[in-house]
N, C-alpha and C. Protein backbone atom coordinates (compact mmCIF):
# COMPACT_ATOMS: atom_id res chain seq x y z
N MET A 1 6.60 16.92 -6.52
CA MET A 1 6.77 15.52 -6.88
C MET A 1 6.27 14.63 -5.74
N PRO A 2 5.43 13.64 -6.06
CA PRO A 2 4.92 12.75 -4.99
C PRO A 2 6.04 11.87 -4.42
N ASP A 3 5.81 11.35 -3.24
CA ASP A 3 6.71 10.39 -2.65
C ASP A 3 6.42 9.00 -3.19
N PHE A 4 7.41 8.12 -3.14
CA PHE A 4 7.17 6.74 -3.59
C PHE A 4 6.13 6.08 -2.73
N SER A 5 6.15 6.33 -1.44
CA SER A 5 5.23 5.70 -0.50
C SER A 5 4.33 6.73 0.12
N LEU A 6 3.32 6.25 0.83
CA LEU A 6 2.48 7.12 1.62
C LEU A 6 3.33 7.89 2.65
N ASN A 7 2.95 9.12 2.89
CA ASN A 7 3.62 9.90 3.94
C ASN A 7 2.78 9.73 5.20
N LEU A 8 3.30 8.99 6.16
CA LEU A 8 2.54 8.70 7.36
C LEU A 8 2.20 9.96 8.14
N LYS A 9 2.94 11.02 7.93
CA LYS A 9 2.64 12.30 8.63
C LYS A 9 1.29 12.87 8.17
N ASP A 10 0.85 12.46 6.99
CA ASP A 10 -0.41 12.99 6.44
C ASP A 10 -1.62 12.19 6.90
N LEU A 11 -1.38 11.07 7.59
CA LEU A 11 -2.49 10.19 7.99
C LEU A 11 -2.77 10.34 9.49
N THR A 12 -4.02 10.59 9.83
CA THR A 12 -4.40 10.81 11.22
C THR A 12 -4.85 9.52 11.87
N LEU A 13 -4.93 9.54 13.19
CA LEU A 13 -5.43 8.39 13.93
C LEU A 13 -6.92 8.16 13.63
N GLU A 14 -7.64 9.22 13.37
CA GLU A 14 -9.06 9.06 13.02
C GLU A 14 -9.18 8.32 11.71
N TRP A 15 -8.29 8.64 10.75
CA TRP A 15 -8.28 7.92 9.48
C TRP A 15 -7.96 6.46 9.71
N LEU A 16 -6.97 6.20 10.56
CA LEU A 16 -6.56 4.82 10.85
C LEU A 16 -7.71 4.02 11.45
N LYS A 17 -8.46 4.65 12.32
CA LYS A 17 -9.61 3.97 12.95
C LYS A 17 -10.60 3.52 11.89
N GLY A 18 -10.92 4.41 10.96
CA GLY A 18 -11.86 4.07 9.90
C GLY A 18 -11.31 3.01 8.98
N PHE A 19 -10.02 3.10 8.69
CA PHE A 19 -9.37 2.13 7.80
C PHE A 19 -9.43 0.73 8.38
N ILE A 20 -9.12 0.61 9.68
CA ILE A 20 -9.14 -0.71 10.34
C ILE A 20 -10.56 -1.23 10.47
N ALA A 21 -11.49 -0.33 10.78
CA ALA A 21 -12.87 -0.74 11.00
C ALA A 21 -13.49 -1.40 9.77
N LYS A 22 -13.14 -0.93 8.58
CA LYS A 22 -13.78 -1.47 7.38
C LYS A 22 -12.88 -2.44 6.62
N LYS A 23 -11.67 -2.65 7.10
CA LYS A 23 -10.74 -3.53 6.38
C LYS A 23 -10.93 -5.00 6.78
N TYR A 24 -10.73 -5.89 5.82
CA TYR A 24 -10.65 -7.33 6.14
C TYR A 24 -9.30 -7.56 6.74
N LEU A 25 -9.26 -8.11 7.96
CA LEU A 25 -8.00 -8.35 8.64
C LEU A 25 -7.72 -9.87 8.67
N THR A 26 -6.46 -10.23 8.59
CA THR A 26 -6.07 -11.61 8.73
C THR A 26 -6.39 -12.05 10.16
N PRO A 27 -6.56 -13.36 10.38
CA PRO A 27 -6.93 -13.83 11.73
C PRO A 27 -6.03 -13.32 12.84
N SER A 28 -4.72 -13.20 12.58
CA SER A 28 -3.80 -12.78 13.64
C SER A 28 -3.98 -11.30 13.99
N ARG A 29 -4.64 -10.53 13.12
CA ARG A 29 -4.80 -9.09 13.38
C ARG A 29 -6.24 -8.69 13.67
N ARG A 30 -7.14 -9.64 13.67
CA ARG A 30 -8.56 -9.27 13.92
C ARG A 30 -8.80 -8.68 15.27
N MET A 31 -7.87 -8.92 16.21
CA MET A 31 -7.98 -8.33 17.54
C MET A 31 -7.97 -6.81 17.48
N LEU A 32 -7.45 -6.22 16.40
CA LEU A 32 -7.41 -4.77 16.29
C LEU A 32 -8.81 -4.16 16.28
N LYS A 33 -9.81 -4.91 15.85
CA LYS A 33 -11.17 -4.40 15.85
C LYS A 33 -11.77 -4.37 17.26
N ASP A 34 -11.15 -5.11 18.20
CA ASP A 34 -11.63 -5.13 19.57
C ASP A 34 -11.25 -3.83 20.26
N ASN A 35 -12.19 -3.15 20.85
CA ASN A 35 -11.95 -1.88 21.57
C ASN A 35 -11.23 -0.84 20.69
N LEU A 36 -11.51 -0.88 19.41
CA LEU A 36 -10.79 0.00 18.47
C LEU A 36 -10.96 1.48 18.83
N SER A 37 -12.19 1.91 18.98
CA SER A 37 -12.42 3.34 19.26
C SER A 37 -11.79 3.76 20.57
N ARG A 38 -11.95 2.92 21.59
CA ARG A 38 -11.39 3.24 22.91
C ARG A 38 -9.89 3.33 22.84
N ASN A 39 -9.25 2.40 22.14
CA ASN A 39 -7.79 2.37 22.09
C ASN A 39 -7.23 3.53 21.28
N ILE A 40 -7.88 3.84 20.16
CA ILE A 40 -7.43 4.98 19.35
C ILE A 40 -7.56 6.27 20.15
N GLU A 41 -8.64 6.42 20.89
CA GLU A 41 -8.84 7.60 21.73
C GLU A 41 -7.75 7.70 22.80
N ALA A 42 -7.41 6.56 23.40
CA ALA A 42 -6.37 6.55 24.41
C ALA A 42 -5.02 6.94 23.83
N ILE A 43 -4.73 6.49 22.64
CA ILE A 43 -3.47 6.86 21.97
C ILE A 43 -3.45 8.35 21.66
N GLU A 44 -4.57 8.87 21.21
CA GLU A 44 -4.65 10.32 20.97
C GLU A 44 -4.44 11.08 22.27
N ASP A 45 -5.07 10.61 23.36
CA ASP A 45 -4.89 11.27 24.65
C ASP A 45 -3.46 11.21 25.14
N ALA A 46 -2.68 10.24 24.64
CA ALA A 46 -1.28 10.12 25.02
C ALA A 46 -0.39 11.08 24.21
N GLY A 47 -1.03 11.84 23.30
CA GLY A 47 -0.28 12.88 22.61
C GLY A 47 0.06 12.61 21.14
N PHE A 48 -0.53 11.56 20.58
CA PHE A 48 -0.25 11.22 19.19
C PHE A 48 -1.36 11.74 18.28
N SER A 49 -0.96 12.26 17.11
CA SER A 49 -1.95 12.76 16.19
C SER A 49 -1.80 12.17 14.79
N ASP A 50 -0.55 11.87 14.39
CA ASP A 50 -0.35 11.30 13.06
C ASP A 50 0.35 9.94 13.18
N LEU A 51 0.33 9.21 12.07
CA LEU A 51 0.84 7.83 12.11
C LEU A 51 2.36 7.77 12.09
N ASP A 52 3.03 8.79 11.63
CA ASP A 52 4.48 8.76 11.56
C ASP A 52 5.07 8.69 12.97
N ASN A 53 4.67 9.61 13.82
CA ASN A 53 5.19 9.63 15.17
C ASN A 53 4.81 8.36 15.95
N LEU A 54 3.57 7.92 15.75
CA LEU A 54 3.10 6.71 16.42
C LEU A 54 3.91 5.49 15.96
N HIS A 55 4.11 5.38 14.67
CA HIS A 55 4.85 4.21 14.13
C HIS A 55 6.28 4.19 14.67
N ARG A 56 6.91 5.35 14.73
CA ARG A 56 8.28 5.42 15.26
C ARG A 56 8.31 4.93 16.72
N THR A 57 7.31 5.31 17.47
CA THR A 57 7.24 4.90 18.88
C THR A 57 7.04 3.41 18.98
N LEU A 58 6.12 2.87 18.20
CA LEU A 58 5.78 1.46 18.28
C LEU A 58 6.94 0.55 17.83
N LYS A 59 7.81 1.08 17.00
CA LYS A 59 8.96 0.27 16.55
C LYS A 59 10.03 0.09 17.61
N ASN A 60 9.93 0.91 18.68
CA ASN A 60 10.87 0.81 19.80
C ASN A 60 10.20 0.01 20.91
N LYS A 61 10.75 -1.17 21.23
CA LYS A 61 10.09 -2.05 22.20
C LYS A 61 9.89 -1.40 23.55
N LYS A 62 10.86 -0.63 23.98
CA LYS A 62 10.76 0.05 25.27
C LYS A 62 9.63 1.08 25.26
N LYS A 63 9.59 1.86 24.20
CA LYS A 63 8.55 2.90 24.11
C LYS A 63 7.18 2.28 23.91
N LEU A 64 7.11 1.17 23.20
CA LEU A 64 5.83 0.47 23.04
C LEU A 64 5.31 0.01 24.40
N ALA A 65 6.22 -0.55 25.21
CA ALA A 65 5.83 -1.02 26.55
C ALA A 65 5.37 0.15 27.40
N GLU A 66 6.06 1.29 27.30
CA GLU A 66 5.67 2.46 28.07
C GLU A 66 4.28 2.99 27.65
N LEU A 67 4.03 2.93 26.31
CA LEU A 67 2.75 3.38 25.82
C LEU A 67 1.64 2.43 26.29
N SER A 68 1.94 1.15 26.32
CA SER A 68 0.99 0.15 26.81
C SER A 68 0.60 0.44 28.25
N THR A 69 1.58 0.76 29.06
CA THR A 69 1.31 1.07 30.47
C THR A 69 0.49 2.35 30.61
N LYS A 70 0.86 3.34 29.83
CA LYS A 70 0.19 4.64 29.92
C LYS A 70 -1.26 4.58 29.48
N THR A 71 -1.51 3.80 28.42
CA THR A 71 -2.85 3.77 27.83
C THR A 71 -3.68 2.59 28.29
N GLN A 72 -3.04 1.63 28.99
CA GLN A 72 -3.71 0.39 29.39
C GLN A 72 -4.17 -0.43 28.18
N ILE A 73 -3.40 -0.34 27.11
CA ILE A 73 -3.66 -1.14 25.92
C ILE A 73 -2.67 -2.31 25.90
N ASP A 74 -3.17 -3.48 25.64
CA ASP A 74 -2.34 -4.67 25.61
C ASP A 74 -1.19 -4.53 24.62
N GLU A 75 0.01 -4.95 25.00
CA GLU A 75 1.19 -4.86 24.12
C GLU A 75 0.97 -5.60 22.81
N LYS A 76 0.29 -6.73 22.86
CA LYS A 76 0.06 -7.50 21.64
C LYS A 76 -0.80 -6.71 20.66
N TRP A 77 -1.77 -5.97 21.18
CA TRP A 77 -2.63 -5.11 20.32
C TRP A 77 -1.78 -4.03 19.69
N LEU A 78 -0.93 -3.42 20.47
CA LEU A 78 -0.07 -2.35 19.93
C LEU A 78 0.93 -2.90 18.92
N THR A 79 1.42 -4.11 19.14
CA THR A 79 2.35 -4.72 18.20
C THR A 79 1.65 -4.97 16.86
N ASN A 80 0.41 -5.46 16.92
CA ASN A 80 -0.34 -5.68 15.68
C ASN A 80 -0.65 -4.34 15.00
N LEU A 81 -0.88 -3.30 15.79
CA LEU A 81 -1.10 -1.97 15.20
C LEU A 81 0.16 -1.50 14.49
N LYS A 82 1.31 -1.74 15.08
CA LYS A 82 2.58 -1.37 14.45
C LYS A 82 2.71 -2.06 13.09
N ARG A 83 2.38 -3.33 13.04
CA ARG A 83 2.50 -4.08 11.79
C ARG A 83 1.50 -3.58 10.74
N GLU A 84 0.31 -3.23 11.22
CA GLU A 84 -0.69 -2.73 10.27
C GLU A 84 -0.27 -1.40 9.68
N ILE A 85 0.27 -0.53 10.50
CA ILE A 85 0.76 0.76 10.00
C ILE A 85 1.95 0.52 9.06
N GLY A 86 2.84 -0.37 9.46
CA GLY A 86 4.00 -0.66 8.61
C GLY A 86 3.61 -1.17 7.24
N GLY A 87 2.49 -1.89 7.17
CA GLY A 87 2.04 -2.40 5.88
C GLY A 87 1.58 -1.33 4.91
N LEU A 88 1.33 -0.13 5.43
CA LEU A 88 0.92 0.99 4.56
C LEU A 88 2.11 1.58 3.81
N ILE A 89 3.32 1.27 4.25
CA ILE A 89 4.52 1.85 3.65
C ILE A 89 4.90 1.02 2.43
N SER A 90 4.87 1.64 1.26
CA SER A 90 5.23 0.94 0.03
C SER A 90 6.70 0.58 0.04
N LYS A 91 6.97 -0.68 -0.31
CA LYS A 91 8.35 -1.16 -0.39
C LYS A 91 8.64 -1.60 -1.80
N GLY A 92 9.82 -1.33 -2.27
CA GLY A 92 10.16 -1.70 -3.64
C GLY A 92 10.06 -3.20 -3.86
N VAL A 93 9.44 -3.57 -4.97
CA VAL A 93 9.28 -4.99 -5.31
C VAL A 93 10.52 -5.40 -6.14
N PRO A 94 11.15 -6.52 -5.80
CA PRO A 94 12.30 -6.99 -6.59
C PRO A 94 11.93 -7.11 -8.07
N LEU A 95 12.82 -6.71 -8.94
CA LEU A 95 12.50 -6.69 -10.36
C LEU A 95 12.16 -8.04 -10.92
N ASP A 96 12.74 -9.10 -10.36
CA ASP A 96 12.43 -10.44 -10.94
C ASP A 96 11.03 -10.91 -10.61
N ARG A 97 10.30 -10.16 -9.78
CA ARG A 97 8.92 -10.52 -9.48
C ARG A 97 7.91 -9.81 -10.40
N LEU A 98 8.39 -8.93 -11.27
CA LEU A 98 7.48 -8.22 -12.18
C LEU A 98 6.93 -9.18 -13.20
N GLU A 99 5.63 -9.03 -13.46
CA GLU A 99 4.93 -9.91 -14.40
C GLU A 99 5.09 -9.40 -15.84
N GLY A 100 5.35 -10.31 -16.76
CA GLY A 100 5.32 -9.96 -18.18
C GLY A 100 6.52 -9.17 -18.68
N ILE A 101 7.60 -9.14 -17.93
CA ILE A 101 8.80 -8.41 -18.35
C ILE A 101 9.88 -9.46 -18.64
N ALA A 102 10.40 -9.44 -19.85
CA ALA A 102 11.39 -10.43 -20.28
C ALA A 102 12.62 -10.38 -19.39
N GLY A 103 13.21 -11.56 -19.15
CA GLY A 103 14.36 -11.67 -18.27
C GLY A 103 15.53 -10.82 -18.70
N GLU A 104 15.77 -10.71 -20.00
CA GLU A 104 16.91 -9.91 -20.46
C GLU A 104 16.71 -8.43 -20.16
N ARG A 105 15.47 -7.99 -20.16
CA ARG A 105 15.22 -6.58 -19.83
C ARG A 105 15.48 -6.35 -18.32
N ILE A 106 15.09 -7.31 -17.50
CA ILE A 106 15.36 -7.20 -16.07
C ILE A 106 16.87 -7.18 -15.83
N GLU A 107 17.61 -8.04 -16.50
CA GLU A 107 19.05 -8.10 -16.32
C GLU A 107 19.71 -6.79 -16.76
N ALA A 108 19.21 -6.20 -17.85
CA ALA A 108 19.77 -4.91 -18.31
C ALA A 108 19.58 -3.84 -17.26
N LEU A 109 18.43 -3.84 -16.58
CA LEU A 109 18.18 -2.87 -15.52
C LEU A 109 19.07 -3.13 -14.31
N ARG A 110 19.21 -4.38 -13.96
CA ARG A 110 20.10 -4.73 -12.84
C ARG A 110 21.54 -4.31 -13.13
N ALA A 111 21.95 -4.44 -14.37
CA ALA A 111 23.32 -4.07 -14.73
C ALA A 111 23.56 -2.56 -14.52
N LYS A 112 22.48 -1.81 -14.55
CA LYS A 112 22.56 -0.36 -14.30
C LYS A 112 22.42 -0.01 -12.81
N GLY A 113 22.27 -1.04 -11.99
CA GLY A 113 22.21 -0.82 -10.55
C GLY A 113 20.81 -0.76 -9.96
N TYR A 114 19.78 -1.03 -10.77
CA TYR A 114 18.42 -1.00 -10.26
C TYR A 114 18.06 -2.36 -9.64
N ARG A 115 17.60 -2.33 -8.41
CA ARG A 115 17.28 -3.60 -7.71
C ARG A 115 15.80 -3.85 -7.60
N ASN A 116 15.01 -2.80 -7.50
CA ASN A 116 13.58 -2.96 -7.25
C ASN A 116 12.78 -1.82 -7.86
N THR A 117 11.45 -1.86 -7.67
CA THR A 117 10.61 -0.86 -8.31
C THR A 117 10.78 0.54 -7.72
N GLU A 118 11.20 0.62 -6.47
CA GLU A 118 11.47 1.98 -5.94
C GLU A 118 12.64 2.60 -6.66
N ASP A 119 13.68 1.82 -6.90
CA ASP A 119 14.83 2.34 -7.67
C ASP A 119 14.39 2.84 -9.04
N ILE A 120 13.52 2.05 -9.69
CA ILE A 120 13.02 2.40 -11.02
C ILE A 120 12.22 3.72 -10.96
N TRP A 121 11.32 3.77 -9.99
CA TRP A 121 10.45 4.95 -9.86
C TRP A 121 11.24 6.21 -9.58
N GLN A 122 12.19 6.11 -8.65
CA GLN A 122 12.98 7.29 -8.29
C GLN A 122 13.85 7.74 -9.48
N ALA A 123 14.39 6.76 -10.23
CA ALA A 123 15.23 7.11 -11.37
C ALA A 123 14.45 7.88 -12.43
N ARG A 124 13.24 7.38 -12.74
CA ARG A 124 12.41 8.05 -13.73
C ARG A 124 12.02 9.43 -13.28
N LYS A 125 11.70 9.59 -12.01
CA LYS A 125 11.28 10.88 -11.50
C LYS A 125 12.41 11.91 -11.51
N THR A 126 13.66 11.42 -11.55
CA THR A 126 14.78 12.35 -11.59
C THR A 126 15.33 12.53 -13.00
N GLY A 127 14.58 12.01 -13.99
CA GLY A 127 14.93 12.26 -15.38
C GLY A 127 15.65 11.15 -16.10
N THR A 128 15.93 10.04 -15.44
CA THR A 128 16.59 8.93 -16.09
C THR A 128 15.63 8.21 -17.06
N ASP A 129 16.16 7.76 -18.18
CA ASP A 129 15.34 7.11 -19.19
C ASP A 129 14.99 5.69 -18.73
N ILE A 130 13.74 5.49 -18.36
CA ILE A 130 13.24 4.17 -17.93
C ILE A 130 12.11 3.79 -18.89
N PRO A 131 12.08 2.54 -19.37
CA PRO A 131 11.00 2.12 -20.28
C PRO A 131 9.62 2.39 -19.70
N ASP A 132 8.70 2.87 -20.56
CA ASP A 132 7.39 3.28 -20.11
C ASP A 132 6.62 2.18 -19.39
N ASP A 133 6.65 0.93 -19.92
CA ASP A 133 5.86 -0.13 -19.30
C ASP A 133 6.40 -0.48 -17.93
N ILE A 134 7.68 -0.50 -17.79
CA ILE A 134 8.29 -0.86 -16.49
C ILE A 134 8.02 0.24 -15.46
N PHE A 135 8.13 1.50 -15.90
CA PHE A 135 7.81 2.58 -14.96
C PHE A 135 6.34 2.55 -14.56
N ALA A 136 5.46 2.27 -15.52
CA ALA A 136 4.02 2.24 -15.23
C ALA A 136 3.72 1.20 -14.17
N ILE A 137 4.30 0.02 -14.32
CA ILE A 137 4.07 -1.05 -13.32
C ILE A 137 4.68 -0.68 -11.98
N ALA A 138 5.86 -0.06 -11.98
CA ALA A 138 6.48 0.38 -10.73
C ALA A 138 5.59 1.41 -10.05
N ASP A 139 4.98 2.31 -10.82
CA ASP A 139 4.10 3.33 -10.25
C ASP A 139 2.87 2.70 -9.63
N LEU A 140 2.26 1.76 -10.33
CA LEU A 140 1.05 1.13 -9.80
C LEU A 140 1.34 0.30 -8.55
N LEU A 141 2.54 -0.26 -8.46
CA LEU A 141 2.90 -1.04 -7.29
C LEU A 141 3.10 -0.21 -6.03
N ARG A 142 3.03 1.09 -6.16
CA ARG A 142 3.09 1.95 -4.97
C ARG A 142 1.80 1.87 -4.16
N ILE A 143 0.73 1.40 -4.79
CA ILE A 143 -0.59 1.39 -4.16
C ILE A 143 -0.66 0.21 -3.17
N TRP A 144 -1.10 0.51 -1.95
CA TRP A 144 -1.26 -0.54 -0.96
C TRP A 144 -2.24 -1.58 -1.49
N GLY A 145 -1.87 -2.86 -1.37
CA GLY A 145 -2.75 -3.96 -1.79
C GLY A 145 -2.58 -4.40 -3.22
N ILE A 146 -1.81 -3.66 -4.02
CA ILE A 146 -1.55 -4.03 -5.42
C ILE A 146 -0.23 -4.80 -5.50
N GLY A 147 -0.30 -6.01 -6.01
CA GLY A 147 0.90 -6.83 -6.18
C GLY A 147 1.28 -6.90 -7.65
N PRO A 148 2.35 -7.63 -7.97
CA PRO A 148 2.84 -7.70 -9.36
C PRO A 148 1.79 -8.15 -10.38
N PHE A 149 0.97 -9.14 -10.02
CA PHE A 149 -0.03 -9.62 -11.00
C PHE A 149 -1.02 -8.53 -11.31
N TYR A 150 -1.58 -7.91 -10.27
CA TYR A 150 -2.61 -6.91 -10.51
C TYR A 150 -2.05 -5.63 -11.15
N ALA A 151 -0.83 -5.29 -10.82
CA ALA A 151 -0.21 -4.15 -11.49
C ALA A 151 -0.08 -4.42 -12.99
N ARG A 152 0.28 -5.64 -13.33
CA ARG A 152 0.45 -6.00 -14.74
C ARG A 152 -0.91 -6.00 -15.45
N PHE A 153 -1.92 -6.57 -14.81
CA PHE A 153 -3.21 -6.62 -15.51
C PHE A 153 -3.84 -5.24 -15.65
N LEU A 154 -3.60 -4.36 -14.68
CA LEU A 154 -4.07 -2.96 -14.83
C LEU A 154 -3.38 -2.30 -16.02
N TYR A 155 -2.09 -2.55 -16.14
CA TYR A 155 -1.36 -1.99 -17.29
C TYR A 155 -1.92 -2.54 -18.60
N ASP A 156 -2.23 -3.83 -18.61
CA ASP A 156 -2.72 -4.48 -19.83
C ASP A 156 -4.10 -4.00 -20.24
N ILE A 157 -4.87 -3.43 -19.32
CA ILE A 157 -6.18 -2.88 -19.70
C ILE A 157 -6.13 -1.38 -19.88
N GLY A 158 -4.90 -0.84 -19.94
CA GLY A 158 -4.75 0.59 -20.29
C GLY A 158 -4.51 1.53 -19.15
N ILE A 159 -4.27 1.02 -17.93
CA ILE A 159 -4.00 1.87 -16.77
C ILE A 159 -2.49 1.96 -16.63
N ASP A 160 -1.91 3.11 -16.97
CA ASP A 160 -0.45 3.22 -17.00
C ASP A 160 0.15 4.08 -15.91
N SER A 161 -0.65 4.44 -14.91
CA SER A 161 -0.14 5.24 -13.79
C SER A 161 -1.17 5.28 -12.68
N VAL A 162 -0.73 5.70 -11.51
CA VAL A 162 -1.66 5.91 -10.39
C VAL A 162 -2.68 6.98 -10.75
N ALA A 163 -2.20 8.04 -11.41
CA ALA A 163 -3.10 9.14 -11.79
C ALA A 163 -4.18 8.67 -12.74
N THR A 164 -3.81 7.81 -13.68
CA THR A 164 -4.80 7.28 -14.64
C THR A 164 -5.81 6.40 -13.90
N LEU A 165 -5.33 5.62 -12.95
CA LEU A 165 -6.21 4.71 -12.22
C LEU A 165 -7.28 5.47 -11.45
N ILE A 166 -6.87 6.47 -10.69
CA ILE A 166 -7.83 7.16 -9.81
C ILE A 166 -8.81 8.03 -10.59
N ALA A 167 -8.53 8.25 -11.88
CA ALA A 167 -9.47 9.00 -12.72
C ALA A 167 -10.55 8.11 -13.32
N GLN A 168 -10.48 6.79 -13.06
CA GLN A 168 -11.41 5.87 -13.68
C GLN A 168 -12.78 5.90 -12.99
N ASN A 169 -13.82 5.64 -13.78
CA ASN A 169 -15.17 5.40 -13.24
C ASN A 169 -15.17 4.00 -12.64
N PRO A 170 -15.59 3.83 -11.39
CA PRO A 170 -15.53 2.54 -10.72
C PRO A 170 -16.26 1.43 -11.46
N ASP A 171 -17.47 1.70 -11.94
CA ASP A 171 -18.23 0.67 -12.63
C ASP A 171 -17.59 0.26 -13.94
N ASP A 172 -17.06 1.25 -14.67
CA ASP A 172 -16.37 0.94 -15.92
C ASP A 172 -15.12 0.15 -15.67
N LEU A 173 -14.36 0.53 -14.64
CA LEU A 173 -13.12 -0.18 -14.32
C LEU A 173 -13.43 -1.61 -13.90
N LEU A 174 -14.50 -1.81 -13.14
CA LEU A 174 -14.89 -3.17 -12.75
C LEU A 174 -15.22 -4.01 -13.96
N GLU A 175 -15.96 -3.45 -14.88
CA GLU A 175 -16.38 -4.20 -16.09
C GLU A 175 -15.14 -4.56 -16.93
N ARG A 176 -14.25 -3.61 -17.14
CA ARG A 176 -13.04 -3.89 -17.95
C ARG A 176 -12.14 -4.89 -17.24
N SER A 177 -12.00 -4.75 -15.94
CA SER A 177 -11.12 -5.64 -15.18
C SER A 177 -11.64 -7.07 -15.23
N ASN A 178 -12.94 -7.24 -15.00
CA ASN A 178 -13.48 -8.58 -14.96
C ASN A 178 -13.53 -9.24 -16.33
N ALA A 179 -13.67 -8.45 -17.38
CA ALA A 179 -13.61 -9.00 -18.73
C ALA A 179 -12.23 -9.59 -18.97
N PHE A 180 -11.18 -8.85 -18.55
CA PHE A 180 -9.82 -9.31 -18.71
C PHE A 180 -9.56 -10.54 -17.85
N LEU A 181 -9.97 -10.49 -16.59
CA LEU A 181 -9.74 -11.61 -15.66
C LEU A 181 -10.48 -12.86 -16.11
N ARG A 182 -11.72 -12.67 -16.58
CA ARG A 182 -12.50 -13.80 -17.06
C ARG A 182 -11.83 -14.47 -18.26
N GLU A 183 -11.34 -13.64 -19.18
CA GLU A 183 -10.68 -14.14 -20.38
C GLU A 183 -9.44 -14.96 -20.05
N HIS A 184 -8.76 -14.62 -18.95
CA HIS A 184 -7.53 -15.29 -18.58
C HIS A 184 -7.72 -16.31 -17.45
N GLY A 185 -8.98 -16.57 -17.11
CA GLY A 185 -9.28 -17.62 -16.14
C GLY A 185 -8.98 -17.28 -14.69
N HIS A 186 -9.10 -15.98 -14.34
CA HIS A 186 -8.80 -15.55 -12.97
C HIS A 186 -10.08 -15.17 -12.25
N PRO A 187 -10.10 -15.20 -10.90
CA PRO A 187 -11.30 -14.81 -10.15
C PRO A 187 -11.73 -13.39 -10.44
N GLN A 188 -13.02 -13.19 -10.32
CA GLN A 188 -13.60 -11.85 -10.59
C GLN A 188 -13.46 -10.93 -9.38
N LEU A 189 -13.43 -9.63 -9.67
CA LEU A 189 -13.40 -8.62 -8.62
C LEU A 189 -14.83 -8.21 -8.27
N ARG A 190 -14.98 -7.64 -7.09
CA ARG A 190 -16.22 -7.03 -6.66
C ARG A 190 -16.09 -5.51 -6.75
N LEU A 191 -17.20 -4.82 -6.79
CA LEU A 191 -17.13 -3.34 -6.83
C LEU A 191 -16.41 -2.83 -5.60
N GLU A 192 -16.57 -3.50 -4.45
CA GLU A 192 -15.87 -3.09 -3.23
C GLU A 192 -14.36 -3.14 -3.41
N ASP A 193 -13.88 -4.16 -4.14
CA ASP A 193 -12.43 -4.29 -4.37
C ASP A 193 -11.94 -3.10 -5.22
N VAL A 194 -12.71 -2.75 -6.23
CA VAL A 194 -12.32 -1.63 -7.09
C VAL A 194 -12.36 -0.32 -6.32
N MET A 195 -13.38 -0.10 -5.51
CA MET A 195 -13.49 1.13 -4.74
C MET A 195 -12.32 1.27 -3.76
N LEU A 196 -11.94 0.16 -3.15
CA LEU A 196 -10.81 0.18 -2.22
C LEU A 196 -9.52 0.50 -2.95
N CYS A 197 -9.36 -0.09 -4.12
CA CYS A 197 -8.16 0.17 -4.95
C CYS A 197 -8.09 1.66 -5.31
N LEU A 198 -9.20 2.23 -5.71
CA LEU A 198 -9.24 3.66 -6.09
C LEU A 198 -8.95 4.54 -4.87
N GLU A 199 -9.52 4.14 -3.73
CA GLU A 199 -9.26 4.90 -2.50
C GLU A 199 -7.79 4.90 -2.13
N HIS A 200 -7.17 3.71 -2.17
CA HIS A 200 -5.76 3.62 -1.83
C HIS A 200 -4.89 4.33 -2.87
N GLY A 201 -5.31 4.25 -4.14
CA GLY A 201 -4.57 4.96 -5.17
C GLY A 201 -4.57 6.46 -4.94
N GLY A 202 -5.69 6.99 -4.45
CA GLY A 202 -5.77 8.40 -4.17
C GLY A 202 -4.95 8.87 -2.98
N MET A 203 -4.43 7.91 -2.22
CA MET A 203 -3.64 8.24 -1.05
C MET A 203 -2.16 8.40 -1.35
N VAL A 204 -1.67 7.84 -2.44
CA VAL A 204 -0.23 7.90 -2.71
C VAL A 204 0.13 9.11 -3.56
């Protein structure tokens, strides 16, 4: 059974370097591209190989400062790296943020103790009866970069799981996606957007 979120133990520092190098970063995190190869190599030399151990270290202020001293990497750079790695961890989306789900259905789920999409996903995986559409959206929301709107529109064009998504032909998915988005007055996607979505889907 897959995990709800990415397993950071499965992700290497070499993978992280490539991920950051080609990713669009917000202005506050663009510094991560500065000295990226040198800094990743220094972190590897300090004994780190996977993102789980590194993330645990960076979450501890004292250990982060010690790593900064040992590697000669600025603490602000390491802090931004911590945040970037943390963003890879899927977090349950509150049920009231789901698109296209009637309020009474949300309330019925809350009455059963479900608070977010992780609760929904875990319940279905353990055999609890969860409506197909709600589980499908919860599953798609596990993908990094997919929010409630895009999870809903993927479902509306026939993508009902992560497995279904990653089996799609990129060009066909782009055409179907943009036809739907155009019809509903939303911005168009680029092939690069679709490829990134498929890549991230294959990671969960």
